[in-house]
Amino acid sequence: MTLDPESDPDRYRDATLPELLGEGAHEDERDDLTWAFGLLGVLLFLGLVTALIYLL
């Protein structure tokens, strides 16, 4: 089996990371309050799931 770049040009094209991410893939830095609310939400969700598992 021979790999032919002409039969599948997308596979052998050298793509850079910005091309793979696309435009608008970069975010601004989040502030501390956003991280705190996100962490609190995840912990609350995990606590709720744990409580439901113990009740069943």
N, C-alpha and C. Protein backbone atom coordinates (compact mmCIF):
# COMPACT_ATOMS: atom_id res chain seq x y z
N MET A 1 0.86 -1.18 0.00
CA MET A 1 0.00 0.00 0.00
C MET A 1 0.90 1.24 0.00
N THR A 2 0.67 2.10 -0.95
CA THR A 2 1.48 3.30 -1.07
C THR A 2 0.63 4.51 -0.68
N LEU A 3 1.20 5.36 0.16
CA LEU A 3 0.51 6.58 0.55
C LEU A 3 0.82 7.66 -0.47
N ASP A 4 -0.19 8.15 -1.11
CA ASP A 4 -0.02 9.13 -2.18
C ASP A 4 -0.56 10.48 -1.72
N PRO A 5 0.31 11.48 -1.57
CA PRO A 5 -0.17 12.80 -1.13
C PRO A 5 -1.16 13.45 -2.10
N GLU A 6 -1.10 13.10 -3.37
CA GLU A 6 -2.01 13.70 -4.34
C GLU A 6 -3.43 13.16 -4.21
N SER A 7 -3.58 11.94 -3.71
CA SER A 7 -4.93 11.39 -3.57
C SER A 7 -5.63 11.91 -2.32
N ASP A 8 -4.86 12.37 -1.34
CA ASP A 8 -5.44 12.93 -0.11
C ASP A 8 -4.60 14.13 0.31
N PRO A 9 -4.79 15.28 -0.34
CA PRO A 9 -3.91 16.43 -0.08
C PRO A 9 -4.07 17.03 1.31
N ASP A 10 -5.24 16.90 1.93
CA ASP A 10 -5.44 17.49 3.26
C ASP A 10 -4.62 16.77 4.32
N ARG A 11 -4.40 15.49 4.16
CA ARG A 11 -3.66 14.72 5.15
C ARG A 11 -2.19 15.14 5.19
N TYR A 12 -1.64 15.51 4.06
CA TYR A 12 -0.22 15.80 3.98
C TYR A 12 0.10 17.29 3.98
N ARG A 13 -0.89 18.11 4.17
CA ARG A 13 -0.67 19.55 4.23
C ARG A 13 -0.14 19.91 5.61
N ASP A 14 0.84 20.76 5.68
CA ASP A 14 1.40 21.17 6.97
C ASP A 14 0.53 22.25 7.56
N ALA A 15 -0.28 21.93 8.54
CA ALA A 15 -1.15 22.90 9.19
C ALA A 15 -0.48 23.41 10.45
N THR A 16 -0.58 24.68 10.67
CA THR A 16 -0.03 25.25 11.90
C THR A 16 -1.14 25.33 12.94
N LEU A 17 -0.75 25.52 14.20
CA LEU A 17 -1.73 25.56 15.28
C LEU A 17 -2.77 26.67 15.10
N PRO A 18 -2.40 27.90 14.73
CA PRO A 18 -3.44 28.92 14.52
C PRO A 18 -4.44 28.53 13.43
N GLU A 19 -3.99 27.82 12.40
CA GLU A 19 -4.93 27.37 11.37
C GLU A 19 -5.90 26.34 11.92
N LEU A 20 -5.40 25.47 12.80
CA LEU A 20 -6.26 24.44 13.37
C LEU A 20 -7.27 25.03 14.36
N LEU A 21 -6.85 26.03 15.11
CA LEU A 21 -7.74 26.65 16.09
C LEU A 21 -8.79 27.53 15.42
N GLY A 22 -8.41 28.20 14.37
CA GLY A 22 -9.33 29.11 13.71
C GLY A 22 -9.33 30.47 14.39
N GLU A 23 -9.98 31.40 13.75
CA GLU A 23 -10.02 32.75 14.31
C GLU A 23 -11.02 32.82 15.45
N GLY A 24 -10.73 33.62 16.44
CA GLY A 24 -11.63 33.79 17.57
C GLY A 24 -11.52 32.69 18.60
N ALA A 25 -10.50 31.83 18.50
CA ALA A 25 -10.37 30.75 19.45
C ALA A 25 -9.65 31.18 20.72
N HIS A 26 -9.15 32.39 20.74
CA HIS A 26 -8.42 32.87 21.90
C HIS A 26 -9.35 33.65 22.82
N GLU A 27 -9.24 33.40 24.11
CA GLU A 27 -10.09 34.06 25.10
C GLU A 27 -9.28 35.06 25.89
N ASP A 28 -9.96 36.02 26.45
CA ASP A 28 -9.31 36.91 27.40
C ASP A 28 -9.13 36.18 28.72
N GLU A 29 -8.24 36.67 29.54
CA GLU A 29 -8.01 36.05 30.84
C GLU A 29 -9.22 36.28 31.74
N ARG A 30 -9.62 35.23 32.46
CA ARG A 30 -10.77 35.34 33.36
C ARG A 30 -10.34 35.96 34.68
N ASP A 31 -11.26 36.65 35.31
CA ASP A 31 -10.93 37.21 36.63
C ASP A 31 -11.15 36.15 37.71
N ASP A 32 -10.69 36.44 38.92
CA ASP A 32 -10.74 35.46 40.01
C ASP A 32 -12.16 35.09 40.41
N LEU A 33 -13.09 36.02 40.32
CA LEU A 33 -14.47 35.74 40.71
C LEU A 33 -15.11 34.72 39.77
N THR A 34 -14.80 34.80 38.50
CA THR A 34 -15.35 33.84 37.54
C THR A 34 -14.85 32.43 37.85
N TRP A 35 -13.55 32.31 38.15
CA TRP A 35 -13.00 31.01 38.51
C TRP A 35 -13.63 30.48 39.79
N ALA A 36 -13.85 31.35 40.76
CA ALA A 36 -14.44 30.92 42.03
C ALA A 36 -15.87 30.40 41.83
N PHE A 37 -16.68 31.12 41.04
CA PHE A 37 -18.04 30.66 40.77
C PHE A 37 -18.04 29.36 39.98
N GLY A 38 -17.12 29.22 39.05
CA GLY A 38 -17.02 27.97 38.29
C GLY A 38 -16.65 26.80 39.17
N LEU A 39 -15.67 27.00 40.03
CA LEU A 39 -15.26 25.94 40.95
C LEU A 39 -16.37 25.59 41.93
N LEU A 40 -17.06 26.60 42.43
CA LEU A 40 -18.18 26.37 43.34
C LEU A 40 -19.29 25.59 42.65
N GLY A 41 -19.56 25.91 41.40
CA GLY A 41 -20.59 25.19 40.64
C GLY A 41 -20.23 23.73 40.43
N VAL A 42 -18.96 23.47 40.11
CA VAL A 42 -18.53 22.08 39.91
C VAL A 42 -18.62 21.30 41.23
N LEU A 43 -18.16 21.90 42.31
CA LEU A 43 -18.23 21.22 43.61
C LEU A 43 -19.67 20.97 44.04
N LEU A 44 -20.54 21.93 43.80
CA LEU A 44 -21.96 21.76 44.13
C LEU A 44 -22.58 20.63 43.31
N PHE A 45 -22.25 20.57 42.03
CA PHE A 45 -22.75 19.51 41.17
C PHE A 45 -22.26 18.14 41.64
N LEU A 46 -20.97 18.03 41.94
CA LEU A 46 -20.43 16.76 42.40
C LEU A 46 -21.04 16.34 43.74
N GLY A 47 -21.28 17.30 44.62
CA GLY A 47 -21.93 17.00 45.89
C GLY A 47 -23.36 16.52 45.69
N LEU A 48 -24.07 17.13 44.77
CA LEU A 48 -25.44 16.73 44.47
C LEU A 48 -25.49 15.32 43.89
N VAL A 49 -24.60 15.02 42.98
CA VAL A 49 -24.55 13.68 42.39
C VAL A 49 -24.20 12.64 43.45
N THR A 50 -23.26 12.97 44.31
CA THR A 50 -22.88 12.04 45.39
C THR A 50 -24.06 11.80 46.33
N ALA A 51 -24.80 12.85 46.66
CA ALA A 51 -25.96 12.70 47.54
C ALA A 51 -27.04 11.84 46.89
N LEU A 52 -27.26 12.03 45.60
CA LEU A 52 -28.26 11.22 44.90
C LEU A 52 -27.86 9.75 44.82
N ILE A 53 -26.57 9.50 44.68
CA ILE A 53 -26.12 8.09 44.62
C ILE A 53 -26.32 7.42 45.97
N TYR A 54 -26.04 8.13 47.05
CA TYR A 54 -26.23 7.53 48.38
C TYR A 54 -27.70 7.34 48.73
N LEU A 55 -28.58 8.18 48.18
CA LEU A 55 -30.00 8.03 48.47
C LEU A 55 -30.63 6.87 47.70
N LEU A 56 -30.04 6.50 46.60
CA LEU A 56 -30.60 5.39 45.82
C LEU A 56 -30.05 4.13 46.33
